[in-house]
Amino acid sequence: MRTAATVSALALAALVLAPSGVHADAAAVPTAPSAGTAATAAAVAANAAPASTATGGTPSRKAEPTPSASAPPSADPDALVQGTIVDTVAYGRHARQRMDVWHQADELRRPGVFLIHGGWWSSGDKKYMTEISRSYAELGYTVFNINYRLSTDAPWPAQRVDTLDAIATARRHAALWSFDPSNYVVVGFSAGGHLATAVGTYKNGLPGLKGVVGISPVVSPLTAYLDGAETLDLNKRKLRESAIRLAGGCEPSGKCARIWQSMEVPEHASRGDAPVLSVHSADEFVPSSHSNQLRDRLGQVGVEVTVLTEAGINHSAPLYRLPGVAERVQEWIAGKVF
């Protein structure tokens, strides 16, 4: 694995590349073999777009088959699919404005997966997405595993701005990472699911964005604020306080009404937005009512939203690890990028 990258002078003018800092992660994806994930891997490999040369538009070589994500993930960060490179790229000047890019050094153009970690908007790190990043790299995607400024660094909308900047950087320098900038999805976990759905409903849709996945997404910080007001559930109370912190320390009234409205994903639904897949547990502290609000608003403008509910209380990465959940997410993504 490459831990420091050598890129063109053009890229160096725009990017700062640092050691990759890839770590093993307890939030590993399911390891049971799946026909669905094998089919997804084959589809990615078969459909990676060949790049054209600068002189004559001659297609590059076709994609070679890649291992399925159903293979057990290794704790060794060097045990990657053959040819995979992991670079850590700065997309801004703040220490948190970094992303790990899992890519191949060839001339193909692969669909991309952007991963956004959770952590109450105030904690968490991309290192906890390492095994999930690996699983999508093994399926043949170019993967962008991003960090962003936390609410302790800057209030909303800094987190959405950072996610948009990371995506813009990836699209601008797509050729460096064998990435098709017109074909990608965004996957977010918990608070990261809020950011994923927020960029999915930004303005009238992002160029090239084909789908958004939220795993326990906090689609509505206002709902979290209300649900945490009079409850014995410590997680709901913490989420309420986290939403207040995200808003810069103010509650959703008076002068702060506008910032809370900006944080509400359903308020920004428009016809050009990307389709959404949302997954919740039936009894977790971020209920499916969050995603149902987005489904209702996007449905009014003709945008598809699928809300899945699993039994139990698992939240975020533990929910993703439940048997069959990762496979359903991967199959849904494959259906959007091909």
Protein backbone atom coordinates (compact mmCIF):
# COMPACT_ATOMS: atom_id res chain seq x y z
CA MET A 1 0.00 0.00 0.00
CA ARG A 2 1.27 3.44 -0.83
CA THR A 3 1.32 5.78 2.16
CA ALA A 4 2.50 8.87 0.35
CA ALA A 5 1.56 9.76 -3.18
CA THR A 6 3.49 11.17 -6.10
CA VAL A 7 1.20 13.06 -8.47
CA SER A 8 1.42 15.49 -11.32
CA ALA A 9 2.44 19.11 -10.86
CA LEU A 10 -1.12 20.13 -11.67
CA ALA A 11 -2.47 17.99 -8.86
CA LEU A 12 0.15 19.20 -6.41
CA ALA A 13 -0.99 22.76 -7.03
CA ALA A 14 -4.44 21.87 -5.72
CA LEU A 15 -3.87 19.03 -3.24
CA VAL A 16 -1.70 18.19 -0.27
CA LEU A 17 -1.08 14.46 0.04
CA ALA A 18 -0.24 12.97 3.41
CA PRO A 19 0.37 9.48 4.87
CA SER A 20 -2.73 7.38 4.47
CA GLY A 21 -3.25 6.47 8.12
CA VAL A 22 -5.34 3.39 7.29
CA HIS A 23 -6.30 1.40 10.38
CA ALA A 24 -8.13 -1.86 10.99
CA ASP A 25 -11.70 -1.19 12.08
CA ALA A 26 -14.01 -3.13 14.34
CA ALA A 27 -16.92 -2.06 12.13
CA ALA A 28 -16.20 -4.72 9.53
CA VAL A 29 -18.72 -5.66 6.90
CA PRO A 30 -20.42 -9.06 6.96
CA THR A 31 -18.14 -11.86 5.79
CA ALA A 32 -20.62 -14.53 4.74
CA PRO A 33 -20.47 -15.27 1.00
CA SER A 34 -23.29 -13.71 -0.99
CA ALA A 35 -24.35 -14.20 -4.58
CA GLY A 36 -25.52 -10.59 -4.58
CA THR A 37 -22.15 -9.14 -3.65
CA ALA A 38 -20.38 -11.40 -6.13
CA ALA A 39 -22.73 -10.17 -8.83
CA THR A 40 -22.06 -6.59 -7.78
CA ALA A 41 -18.32 -7.10 -8.05
CA ALA A 42 -18.70 -8.58 -11.52
CA ALA A 43 -20.92 -5.69 -12.58
CA VAL A 44 -18.47 -3.05 -11.39
CA ALA A 45 -15.58 -4.76 -13.13
CA ALA A 46 -17.50 -5.19 -16.36
CA ASN A 47 -18.91 -1.67 -16.45
CA ALA A 48 -15.95 0.50 -15.45
CA ALA A 49 -15.78 3.08 -18.21
CA PRO A 50 -12.62 3.04 -20.33
CA ALA A 51 -10.86 6.38 -20.53
CA SER A 52 -9.89 7.92 -23.82
CA THR A 53 -6.37 8.99 -24.65
CA ALA A 54 -5.66 12.69 -25.04
CA THR A 55 -4.72 12.28 -28.69
CA GLY A 56 -7.11 9.93 -30.38
CA GLY A 57 -9.78 8.70 -27.98
CA THR A 58 -8.48 5.13 -28.08
CA PRO A 59 -10.07 3.11 -25.28
CA SER A 60 -7.77 1.77 -22.57
CA ARG A 61 -7.74 -1.88 -21.58
CA LYS A 62 -10.89 -3.42 -20.14
CA ALA A 63 -11.35 -3.90 -16.41
CA GLU A 64 -10.09 -7.18 -15.03
CA PRO A 65 -12.26 -9.17 -12.60
CA THR A 66 -11.90 -8.15 -8.96
CA PRO A 67 -12.39 -10.23 -5.80
CA SER A 68 -15.82 -10.22 -4.20
CA ALA A 69 -16.44 -8.28 -0.99
CA SER A 70 -17.73 -11.52 0.52
CA ALA A 71 -14.12 -12.55 1.15
CA PRO A 72 -13.25 -12.11 4.87
CA PRO A 73 -11.65 -8.70 5.43
CA SER A 74 -8.09 -8.72 6.71
CA ALA A 75 -6.88 -6.73 9.71
CA ASP A 76 -3.67 -6.09 7.76
CA PRO A 77 -4.07 -2.76 5.89
CA ASP A 78 -1.57 -3.94 3.29
CA ALA A 79 -3.74 -6.92 2.37
CA LEU A 80 -5.66 -5.10 -0.35
CA VAL A 81 -6.96 -6.24 -3.68
CA GLN A 82 -4.02 -6.33 -6.06
CA GLY A 83 -3.10 -2.89 -7.38
CA THR A 84 -5.15 -0.90 -4.86
CA ILE A 85 -3.52 2.31 -3.67
CA VAL A 86 -4.66 4.26 -0.60
CA ASP A 87 -3.76 7.95 -0.55
CA THR A 88 -4.74 10.53 2.05
CA VAL A 89 -5.66 13.77 0.31
CA ALA A 90 -6.26 17.25 1.73
CA TYR A 91 -9.26 18.99 0.18
CA GLY A 92 -8.88 22.06 2.45
CA ARG A 93 -6.53 23.64 4.95
CA HIS A 94 -8.12 22.43 8.20
CA ALA A 95 -6.65 19.26 9.71
CA ARG A 96 -10.05 17.56 9.46
CA GLN A 97 -10.42 18.31 5.75
CA ARG A 98 -8.87 15.04 4.62
CA MET A 99 -10.06 11.97 2.77
CA ASP A 100 -8.59 8.53 2.12
CA VAL A 101 -8.81 7.60 -1.56
CA TRP A 102 -8.82 3.89 -2.41
CA HIS A 103 -8.08 3.60 -6.12
CA GLN A 104 -6.37 1.75 -8.94
CA ALA A 105 -3.45 3.09 -10.98
CA ASP A 106 -4.92 2.49 -14.42
CA GLU A 107 -6.84 4.42 -17.05
CA LEU A 108 -10.29 3.06 -16.36
CA ARG A 109 -13.05 5.25 -14.95
CA ARG A 110 -14.74 3.47 -12.06
CA PRO A 111 -17.95 4.46 -10.27
CA GLY A 112 -17.24 6.10 -6.93
CA VAL A 113 -18.45 5.60 -3.36
CA PHE A 114 -18.09 8.43 -0.84
CA LEU A 115 -18.26 7.29 2.80
CA ILE A 116 -19.14 9.64 5.67
CA HIS A 117 -18.60 8.53 9.28
CA GLY A 118 -20.95 9.29 12.15
CA GLY A 119 -20.31 10.41 15.72
CA TRP A 120 -22.93 12.96 16.86
CA TRP A 121 -21.38 15.54 14.47
CA SER A 122 -18.83 16.16 17.26
CA SER A 123 -16.64 13.03 17.17
CA GLY A 124 -15.74 10.06 15.01
CA ASP A 125 -13.14 9.63 12.30
CA LYS A 126 -12.71 8.14 8.85
CA LYS A 127 -10.52 5.40 10.34
CA TYR A 128 -13.71 3.73 11.60
CA MET A 129 -14.81 3.34 7.99
CA THR A 130 -11.65 1.48 6.93
CA GLU A 131 -13.14 -1.99 6.60
CA ILE A 132 -16.20 -0.68 4.81
CA SER A 133 -13.90 1.27 2.48
CA ARG A 134 -12.00 -1.94 1.81
CA SER A 135 -15.21 -3.80 0.98
CA TYR A 136 -16.17 -1.31 -1.73
CA ALA A 137 -12.62 -1.17 -3.10
CA GLU A 138 -12.74 -4.97 -3.40
CA LEU A 139 -15.96 -4.63 -5.36
CA GLY A 140 -14.10 -2.44 -7.86
CA TYR A 141 -15.23 1.05 -6.86
CA THR A 142 -13.01 4.06 -6.29
CA VAL A 143 -13.66 4.91 -2.65
CA PHE A 144 -13.44 8.30 -0.95
CA ASN A 145 -13.55 7.97 2.85
CA ILE A 146 -13.86 11.49 4.19
CA ASN A 147 -13.29 13.42 7.38
CA TYR A 148 -14.97 16.77 7.90
CA ARG A 149 -14.91 19.57 10.45
CA LEU A 150 -16.79 18.58 13.59
CA SER A 151 -19.30 20.75 15.41
CA THR A 152 -16.55 21.43 17.95
CA ASP A 153 -14.51 22.96 15.10
CA ALA A 154 -17.24 24.93 13.36
CA PRO A 155 -21.06 25.05 13.38
CA TRP A 156 -23.39 24.12 10.55
CA PRO A 157 -23.15 24.39 7.55
CA ALA A 158 -19.38 23.71 7.75
CA GLN A 159 -19.99 19.95 7.68
CA ARG A 160 -22.08 20.12 4.51
CA VAL A 161 -19.59 22.52 2.93
CA ASP A 162 -16.76 20.09 3.65
CA THR A 163 -18.63 17.15 2.16
CA LEU A 164 -19.41 19.16 -0.97
CA ASP A 165 -15.78 20.29 -1.22
CA ALA A 166 -14.52 16.71 -0.88
CA ILE A 167 -16.82 15.61 -3.69
CA ALA A 168 -15.82 18.57 -5.86
CA THR A 169 -12.12 17.81 -5.31
CA ALA A 170 -12.63 14.18 -6.26
CA ARG A 171 -14.53 15.11 -9.41
CA ARG A 172 -12.00 17.78 -10.40
CA HIS A 173 -9.07 15.37 -10.15
CA ALA A 174 -10.95 12.22 -11.18
CA ALA A 175 -8.24 11.12 -13.63
CA LEU A 176 -5.75 10.75 -10.77
CA TRP A 177 -7.87 8.08 -9.13
CA SER A 178 -9.45 6.13 -12.00
CA PHE A 179 -12.79 7.68 -11.06
CA ASP A 180 -15.80 8.45 -13.24
CA PRO A 181 -16.94 11.88 -11.97
CA SER A 182 -20.34 11.45 -13.57
CA ASN A 183 -21.16 8.26 -11.67
CA TYR A 184 -21.00 8.07 -7.88
CA VAL A 185 -23.01 7.56 -4.69
CA VAL A 186 -22.71 8.92 -1.15
CA VAL A 187 -23.12 6.66 1.90
CA GLY A 188 -23.42 8.11 5.40
CA PHE A 189 -23.77 6.62 8.87
CA SER A 190 -25.87 8.29 11.62
CA ALA A 191 -24.73 11.95 11.71
CA GLY A 192 -22.86 11.13 8.50
CA GLY A 193 -26.22 10.03 7.10
CA HIS A 194 -27.47 13.54 7.78
CA LEU A 195 -24.59 14.92 5.73
CA ALA A 196 -25.14 12.39 2.95
CA THR A 197 -28.82 13.25 2.60
CA ALA A 198 -28.04 16.96 2.98
CA VAL A 199 -25.71 16.94 -0.01
CA GLY A 200 -28.20 14.75 -1.86
CA THR A 201 -30.82 17.49 -1.54
CA TYR A 202 -28.41 20.38 -2.04
CA LYS A 203 -29.84 22.87 -4.55
CA ASN A 204 -31.38 20.90 -7.42
CA GLY A 205 -29.05 17.90 -7.29
CA LEU A 206 -25.30 17.42 -7.64
CA PRO A 207 -23.75 16.60 -11.04
CA GLY A 208 -22.96 12.90 -11.30
CA LEU A 209 -24.65 11.89 -8.03
CA LYS A 210 -26.69 8.76 -8.74
CA GLY A 211 -27.81 7.81 -5.24
CA VAL A 212 -27.61 8.45 -1.50
CA VAL A 213 -27.57 5.82 1.25
CA GLY A 214 -28.23 6.60 4.90
CA ILE A 215 -27.60 4.05 7.63
CA SER A 216 -29.56 5.31 10.67
CA PRO A 217 -29.49 8.82 9.14
CA VAL A 218 -30.43 11.79 11.31
CA VAL A 219 -32.43 13.30 8.48
CA SER A 220 -34.22 15.76 10.76
CA PRO A 221 -32.21 17.41 13.57
CA LEU A 222 -35.45 19.14 14.60
CA THR A 223 -37.09 15.75 15.14
CA ALA A 224 -34.06 14.71 17.20
CA TYR A 225 -34.42 17.91 19.23
CA LEU A 226 -38.10 17.24 19.94
CA ASP A 227 -37.68 13.51 20.61
CA GLY A 228 -34.96 14.21 23.15
CA ALA A 229 -36.87 16.79 25.16
CA GLU A 230 -38.72 14.56 27.63
CA THR A 231 -37.30 11.08 27.54
CA LEU A 232 -35.31 8.70 29.68
CA ASP A 233 -33.43 7.48 26.60
CA LEU A 234 -29.88 8.78 27.10
CA ASN A 235 -29.05 8.47 23.40
CA LYS A 236 -32.04 10.59 22.40
CA ARG A 237 -31.07 13.18 24.99
CA LYS A 238 -27.49 13.20 23.73
CA LEU A 239 -28.67 13.54 20.12
CA ARG A 240 -30.79 16.54 21.11
CA GLU A 241 -27.79 18.24 22.70
CA SER A 242 -25.64 17.32 19.71
CA ALA A 243 -28.12 18.96 17.34
CA ILE A 244 -28.06 22.13 19.44
CA ARG A 245 -24.25 22.11 19.32
CA LEU A 246 -24.35 21.62 15.55
CA ALA A 247 -26.56 24.72 15.28
CA GLY A 248 -23.90 26.75 17.05
CA GLY A 249 -25.37 26.33 20.52
CA CYS A 250 -28.80 27.81 19.89
CA GLU A 251 -32.23 26.22 19.95
CA PRO A 252 -34.71 26.25 17.04
CA SER A 253 -36.51 29.50 17.72
CA GLY A 254 -36.13 33.19 17.11
CA LYS A 255 -32.84 34.16 15.48
CA CYS A 256 -31.81 30.50 15.18
CA ALA A 257 -34.86 29.36 13.19
CA ARG A 258 -33.10 29.88 9.89
CA ILE A 259 -30.07 27.72 10.77
CA TRP A 260 -32.34 24.91 11.96
CA GLN A 261 -34.33 25.15 8.75
CA SER A 262 -31.05 24.84 6.85
CA MET A 263 -30.21 21.65 8.78
CA GLU A 264 -33.59 20.04 7.96
CA VAL A 265 -33.00 17.79 4.95
CA PRO A 266 -36.68 17.37 3.93
CA GLU A 267 -37.01 21.15 3.62
CA HIS A 268 -34.63 21.09 0.64
CA ALA A 269 -36.28 18.40 -1.48
CA SER A 270 -36.34 19.14 -5.20
CA ARG A 271 -37.01 17.33 -8.45
CA GLY A 272 -33.33 17.04 -9.40
CA ASP A 273 -32.27 15.29 -6.19
CA ALA A 274 -30.77 11.81 -6.17
CA PRO A 275 -32.76 8.73 -5.11
CA VAL A 276 -32.29 7.62 -1.51
CA LEU A 277 -32.00 4.31 0.33
CA SER A 278 -32.41 4.63 4.09
CA VAL A 279 -32.02 1.86 6.69
CA HIS A 280 -33.10 2.03 10.34
CA SER A 281 -33.66 -0.45 13.15
CA ALA A 282 -37.23 -0.63 14.39
CA ASP A 283 -36.35 0.36 17.96
CA GLU A 284 -33.19 2.45 17.64
CA PHE A 285 -32.92 6.01 18.94
CA VAL A 286 -32.96 7.45 15.38
CA PRO A 287 -36.36 6.13 14.25
CA SER A 288 -37.49 5.64 10.69
CA SER A 289 -39.75 8.67 11.07
CA HIS A 290 -36.69 10.72 10.10
CA SER A 291 -36.45 9.05 6.71
CA ASN A 292 -40.21 8.87 6.26
CA GLN A 293 -40.29 12.68 6.28
CA LEU A 294 -37.75 12.75 3.46
CA ARG A 295 -39.63 10.03 1.56
CA ASP A 296 -42.83 12.07 1.76
CA ARG A 297 -41.20 15.30 0.59
CA LEU A 298 -39.13 13.77 -2.21
CA GLY A 299 -42.09 11.66 -3.26
CA GLN A 300 -44.04 14.86 -3.92
CA VAL A 301 -41.49 15.82 -6.59
CA GLY A 302 -41.11 12.35 -8.05
CA VAL A 303 -37.82 11.23 -6.45
CA GLU A 304 -37.56 7.63 -5.25
CA VAL A 305 -36.90 7.01 -1.55
CA THR A 306 -36.75 3.49 -0.12
CA VAL A 307 -36.91 3.10 3.66
CA LEU A 308 -35.92 -0.29 5.09
CA THR A 309 -36.53 -1.25 8.71
CA GLU A 310 -34.67 -4.06 10.49
CA ALA A 311 -35.74 -5.61 13.77
CA GLY A 312 -33.87 -4.62 16.93
CA ILE A 313 -32.03 -1.60 18.28
CA ASN A 314 -28.80 -1.65 16.26
CA HIS A 315 -27.63 1.75 15.11
CA SER A 316 -25.22 2.87 12.38
CA ALA A 317 -22.32 0.45 11.71
CA PRO A 318 -23.74 -2.37 13.92
CA LEU A 319 -26.94 -2.12 11.86
CA TYR A 320 -24.91 -2.30 8.64
CA ARG A 321 -23.22 -5.45 9.95
CA LEU A 322 -26.49 -7.33 10.40
CA PRO A 323 -26.77 -10.29 8.00
CA GLY A 324 -27.96 -9.18 4.59
CA VAL A 325 -27.95 -5.41 5.19
CA ALA A 326 -24.61 -4.64 3.53
CA GLU A 327 -25.53 -6.87 0.62
CA ARG A 328 -28.83 -5.06 0.07
CA VAL A 329 -27.06 -1.71 0.18
CA GLN A 330 -24.43 -2.90 -2.29
CA GLU A 331 -27.06 -4.25 -4.67
CA TRP A 332 -29.02 -0.99 -4.50
CA ILE A 333 -25.86 1.01 -5.26
CA ALA A 334 -25.00 -1.23 -8.20
CA GLY A 335 -28.48 -0.66 -9.58
CA LYS A 336 -27.91 3.11 -9.56
CA VAL A 337 -24.42 3.39 -11.02
CA PHE A 338 -25.00 1.03 -13.99
